[in-house]
Protein backbone atom coordinates (compact mmCIF):
# COMPACT_ATOMS: atom_id res chain seq x y z
CA MET A 1 -7.77 18.86 14.60
CA ARG A 2 -5.32 17.07 16.90
CA GLY A 3 -2.74 19.87 16.50
CA TYR A 4 -5.45 22.47 17.13
CA PHE A 5 -6.45 20.71 20.35
CA HIS A 6 -2.80 20.64 21.44
CA PHE A 7 -2.74 24.41 21.06
CA LYS A 8 -6.00 24.81 22.99
CA LEU A 9 -4.63 22.65 25.79
CA PHE A 10 -1.47 24.76 25.97
CA LEU A 11 -3.50 28.00 26.03
CA ARG A 12 -5.59 26.52 28.81
CA ASP A 13 -2.43 25.79 30.84
CA LEU A 14 -1.10 29.28 30.20
CA THR A 15 -4.26 31.14 31.22
CA TYR A 16 -5.15 28.85 34.12
CA SER A 17 -1.64 28.98 35.60
CA HIS A 18 -1.76 32.78 35.65
CA SER A 19 -5.21 32.75 37.24
CA TYR A 20 -4.20 30.16 39.83
CA GLY A 21 -0.91 31.77 40.80
CA LYS A 22 -1.68 35.46 40.35
CA TYR A 23 -1.35 36.33 44.05
CA LYS A 24 1.92 34.41 44.38
CA TYR A 25 3.30 36.18 41.31
CA PHE A 26 2.15 39.51 42.72
CA ILE A 27 4.01 38.84 45.99
CA PHE A 28 7.10 37.77 44.07
CA TYR A 29 7.24 40.91 41.94
CA CYS A 30 6.58 43.11 44.98
CA ILE A 31 9.61 41.59 46.68
CA VAL A 32 11.63 42.10 43.50
CA ILE A 33 10.65 45.79 43.52
CA ILE A 34 11.94 46.12 47.09
CA LEU A 35 15.19 44.32 46.27
CA THR A 36 15.65 46.42 43.15
CA ALA A 37 15.18 49.65 45.10
CA ALA A 38 17.67 48.47 47.73
CA GLU A 39 20.32 47.84 45.05
CA THR A 40 19.48 50.99 43.08
CA LEU A 41 19.54 53.75 45.69
CA PRO A 42 23.28 53.39 46.55
CA LEU A 43 24.09 53.72 42.82
CA LYS A 44 22.76 57.28 42.68
CA GLU A 45 26.06 58.56 44.04
CA LEU A 46 28.14 56.18 41.88
CA ASP A 47 26.81 57.23 38.47
CA GLY A 48 25.20 53.86 37.76
CA ASN A 49 22.24 52.82 35.62
CA SER A 50 19.85 49.87 35.29
CA VAL A 51 22.54 47.63 33.76
CA ASP A 52 24.51 47.86 36.99
CA VAL A 53 21.40 47.01 38.99
CA PHE A 54 20.85 43.87 36.89
CA PHE A 55 24.37 42.76 37.70
CA LEU A 56 24.25 43.57 41.42
CA LEU A 57 20.83 42.01 41.95
CA LEU A 58 21.21 38.83 39.87
CA LYS A 59 24.88 37.95 40.30
CA ASP A 60 26.16 35.06 42.40
CA VAL A 61 29.33 35.18 44.55
CA GLY A 62 31.71 33.38 42.21
CA TYR A 63 33.69 30.18 42.64
CA PHE A 64 34.02 28.60 46.07
CA ILE A 65 37.66 28.86 47.10
CA GLN A 66 37.66 28.78 50.90
CA SER A 67 34.97 28.74 53.55
CA SER A 68 36.22 31.79 55.44
CA GLY A 69 34.68 34.96 54.09
CA TYR A 70 32.43 33.15 51.60
CA GLU A 71 29.00 34.74 51.28
CA ILE A 72 25.78 32.97 50.43
CA PRO A 73 24.18 34.41 47.23
CA VAL A 74 20.88 35.32 48.88
CA ASN A 75 19.34 37.16 45.92
CA TRP A 76 20.35 34.41 43.50
CA ILE A 77 18.79 31.76 45.76
CA PHE A 78 15.58 33.74 46.21
CA ILE A 79 15.00 34.52 42.55
CA GLN A 80 16.09 31.14 41.18
CA PHE A 81 14.10 29.01 43.61
CA PHE A 82 11.06 31.23 44.11
CA ILE A 83 10.37 31.10 40.40
CA LEU A 84 11.01 27.35 40.46
CA PHE A 85 8.41 27.12 43.24
CA LEU A 86 5.89 29.11 41.17
CA ILE A 87 6.37 26.77 38.20
CA THR A 88 6.27 23.52 40.16
CA ASP A 89 3.38 24.65 42.36
CA PHE A 90 1.11 24.90 39.33
CA LEU A 91 2.33 21.57 37.91
CA VAL A 92 1.47 19.81 41.16
CA HIS A 93 -1.85 21.58 41.63
CA ASP A 94 -3.03 20.88 38.09
CA ALA A 95 -1.91 17.25 38.21
CA GLU A 96 -3.73 16.62 41.48
CA THR A 97 -6.87 18.58 40.59
CA ASN A 98 -7.48 18.39 36.86
CA SER A 99 -5.27 15.75 35.24
CA SER A 100 -7.87 12.93 35.29
CA TYR A 101 -10.51 15.14 33.67
CA LEU A 102 -8.12 16.53 31.06
CA ILE A 103 -6.69 13.12 30.13
CA LEU A 104 -10.21 11.76 29.81
CA ARG A 105 -11.09 14.60 27.44
CA ILE A 106 -8.01 14.32 25.21
CA LYS A 107 -7.78 10.50 25.51
CA ARG A 108 -3.97 10.52 25.30
CA ARG A 109 -1.70 11.12 28.27
CA GLU A 110 1.13 12.14 25.93
CA GLN A 111 -0.81 15.21 24.86
CA TYR A 112 -1.27 16.24 28.47
CA ILE A 113 2.41 15.95 29.34
CA LEU A 114 3.50 17.56 26.06
CA SER A 115 1.41 20.60 26.92
CA LYS A 116 3.09 20.81 30.32
CA LEU A 117 6.58 20.55 28.78
CA ILE A 118 5.81 23.38 26.35
CA TRP A 119 4.21 25.40 29.15
CA ILE A 120 7.35 25.08 31.30
CA VAL A 121 9.46 26.65 28.56
CA ILE A 122 7.07 29.48 27.70
CA GLN A 123 6.12 30.24 31.30
CA ASN A 124 9.73 30.50 32.42
CA ILE A 125 10.49 32.88 29.56
CA LEU A 126 7.47 35.04 30.42
CA VAL A 127 8.20 35.14 34.17
CA TYR A 128 11.84 36.10 33.66
CA PHE A 129 10.91 38.63 30.99
CA GLY A 130 8.55 40.19 33.53
CA LEU A 131 11.32 40.09 36.14
CA PHE A 132 13.75 41.93 33.88
CA ILE A 133 11.10 44.51 32.92
CA VAL A 134 10.36 45.22 36.58
CA ILE A 135 14.04 45.60 37.44
CA TYR A 136 14.62 47.88 34.44
CA VAL A 137 11.60 50.13 35.04
CA ILE A 138 12.08 50.53 38.81
CA SER A 139 15.84 51.09 38.64
CA SER A 140 15.56 53.50 35.69
CA LEU A 141 12.86 55.54 37.41
CA LEU A 142 14.86 55.79 40.63
CA LEU A 143 18.07 56.71 38.81
CA GLY A 144 16.43 58.90 36.17
CA ASP A 145 18.35 57.08 33.45
CA PHE A 146 16.70 54.68 30.97
CA SER A 147 19.81 54.03 28.87
CA PHE A 148 21.69 50.76 28.40
CA GLU A 149 25.04 52.45 27.98
CA ALA A 150 28.14 51.55 29.97
CA SER A 151 28.05 53.79 33.04
CA SER A 152 31.04 54.93 35.04
CA TYR A 153 30.22 52.23 37.60
CA PHE A 154 30.10 49.60 34.86
CA GLN A 155 33.48 50.62 33.47
CA ASP A 156 35.20 51.03 36.84
CA THR A 157 33.72 48.11 38.78
CA ILE A 158 32.00 45.52 36.58
CA GLN A 159 34.42 45.63 33.66
CA SER A 160 37.36 45.50 36.04
CA GLN A 161 36.05 42.18 37.39
CA ALA A 162 35.43 40.71 33.95
CA ALA A 163 37.88 38.32 32.34
CA ILE A 164 37.15 39.67 28.86
CA SER A 165 35.85 42.91 27.42
CA ILE A 166 32.05 42.95 27.73
CA ASN A 167 29.28 45.41 26.95
CA PRO A 168 26.03 46.05 28.86
CA ILE A 169 23.77 44.25 26.37
CA GLN A 170 25.99 41.18 26.41
CA LEU A 171 25.86 41.12 30.20
CA ILE A 172 22.06 41.41 30.34
CA LEU A 173 21.50 38.73 27.69
CA HIS A 174 23.86 36.36 29.49
CA LEU A 175 22.00 36.92 32.76
CA PHE A 176 18.57 36.46 31.14
CA PHE A 177 19.31 33.29 29.19
CA GLY A 178 21.33 31.82 32.05
CA TYR A 179 18.43 32.13 34.47
CA VAL A 180 15.82 30.97 31.95
CA LEU A 181 17.78 27.90 30.86
CA THR A 182 18.53 26.90 34.45
CA SER A 183 14.91 27.26 35.52
CA ILE A 184 13.64 25.25 32.55
CA VAL A 185 16.06 22.41 33.27
CA LEU A 186 15.25 22.31 37.00
CA SER A 187 11.51 22.35 36.20
CA GLY A 188 11.96 19.45 33.78
CA ILE A 189 13.93 17.45 36.34
CA PHE A 190 11.19 18.12 38.89
CA LEU A 191 8.50 16.90 36.51
CA LEU A 192 10.51 13.73 35.90
CA CYS A 193 11.00 13.13 39.62
CA THR A 194 7.27 13.44 40.30
CA GLN A 195 6.73 10.33 38.16
CA PHE A 196 8.48 8.32 40.88
CA PHE A 197 8.29 10.33 44.11
CA ALA A 198 5.93 12.64 45.99
CA SER A 199 5.97 16.26 44.90
CA THR A 200 7.49 17.44 48.20
CA VAL A 201 10.34 14.95 47.93
CA SER A 202 10.86 15.90 44.28
CA PHE A 203 11.04 19.60 45.05
CA CYS A 204 13.49 19.04 47.90
CA PHE A 205 15.68 16.95 45.61
CA VAL A 206 15.70 19.64 42.90
CA LEU A 207 16.35 22.30 45.54
CA ILE A 208 19.38 20.40 46.81
CA LEU A 209 20.58 19.69 43.27
CA GLY A 210 20.34 23.38 42.41
CA SER A 211 22.02 24.47 45.63
CA LEU A 212 25.07 22.29 44.95
CA SER A 213 26.24 24.85 42.40
CA ILE A 214 26.83 27.33 45.21
CA PHE A 215 29.64 25.22 46.66
CA ILE A 216 30.69 22.85 43.85
CA ASP A 217 32.41 24.33 40.80
CA TRP A 218 31.29 21.77 38.22
CA LYS A 219 29.80 22.97 34.95
CA TRP A 220 27.66 19.83 34.58
CA LEU A 221 25.45 20.90 37.48
CA PRO A 222 22.21 22.45 36.15
CA ALA A 223 22.03 25.58 38.32
CA ILE A 224 25.57 26.80 37.69
CA HIS A 225 24.50 28.17 34.30
CA SER A 226 22.65 31.11 35.87
CA MET A 227 25.72 32.17 37.87
CA ILE A 228 27.21 35.05 35.95
CA LEU A 229 30.45 35.22 37.95
CA LYS A 230 31.15 31.57 37.11
CA SER A 231 30.63 32.16 33.39
CA ILE A 232 33.31 32.76 30.80
CA LEU A 233 32.63 36.50 31.05
CA PHE A 234 34.25 36.59 34.48
CA ASP A 235 36.28 33.37 34.61
CA LEU A 236 38.18 31.89 31.66
CA GLU A 237 39.55 28.89 33.53
CA HIS A 238 36.32 26.85 33.66
CA HIS A 239 35.14 27.62 30.07
CA LEU A 240 31.47 28.04 31.04
CA SER A 241 30.18 29.76 27.91
CA LEU A 242 26.61 30.64 27.05
CA THR A 243 26.80 28.29 24.06
CA PHE A 244 27.74 25.40 26.31
CA SER A 245 24.96 26.34 28.75
CA PHE A 246 22.40 26.38 25.92
CA VAL A 247 23.46 23.03 24.43
CA TYR A 248 23.69 21.40 27.85
CA SER A 249 20.29 22.73 28.99
CA VAL A 250 18.49 21.73 25.79
CA PHE A 251 19.99 18.23 25.95
CA VAL A 252 19.07 17.69 29.62
CA TYR A 253 15.53 19.00 29.10
CA ILE A 254 14.93 16.81 26.04
CA LEU A 255 16.38 13.82 27.89
CA SER A 256 14.08 14.48 30.84
CA ALA A 257 11.10 14.79 28.49
CA PHE A 258 12.05 11.51 26.80
CA PHE A 259 12.02 9.60 30.10
CA ILE A 260 8.78 11.28 31.16
CA PHE A 261 7.10 10.08 27.97
CA ILE A 262 8.40 6.55 28.56
CA VAL A 263 6.89 6.49 32.05
CA TYR A 264 3.56 7.78 30.75
CA ARG A 265 3.40 5.17 27.99
CA LYS A 266 4.05 2.37 30.48
CA THR A 267 1.34 3.78 32.72
CA ASP A 268 -1.10 3.66 29.81
CA ILE A 269 -0.18 0.05 29.09
CA LEU A 270 -0.70 -0.98 32.69
CA LYS A 271 -4.13 0.61 32.66
């Protein structure tokens, strides 16, 4: 019965978060459609396909070498932190509005926070899956090509930048898991920070922590793992592999969850 109630609580979080944030998600995906179209239309004359659009839209600007000529990765910042906002916005809203009622119903604060930790993982996967579907459908329709084959643009431009031989599927999977892992970790860090600070302060801290990866080339920063040009596919020097990103992200998220549970137990004792 306890396990069944855990599942019901998670389903409640999943359905309620979509109902609460549906207009924000709609705005987000509308902006993504516009950005996708802007990246897709120039590729019509370059014999590109949706794989190239994924790369152009989701890539960062590489390692910071010198300030002159360095561009800010606007699309990366928008997508990474808008989705982080969508995730954290629901966490804050639900905690402020419904947490007392839910904890009273389930009688254990650990069940409440466990549901949120599971929701963070699943929700991030669903949001990014939706993002990739939107990019694929819009770009494929505009280009009239639904294939995942290596286009002429991929071979001439993307592969020429790569440090190793890559294929389109490998590139897309690296982009997807990089973004998902980064967003999950940043969401977990945010949830941990809210145990000690106000939600606005916590979000600003996570925003700054994530933004450090734009200028600091250190693979132990959480947001660097969604930066495709800093990965081992395009830079062998820093050894930022997808395997390392996965192990690192899982460890940091579990560690954050561990400290969150400790705080919640102490809160129960004090009550």
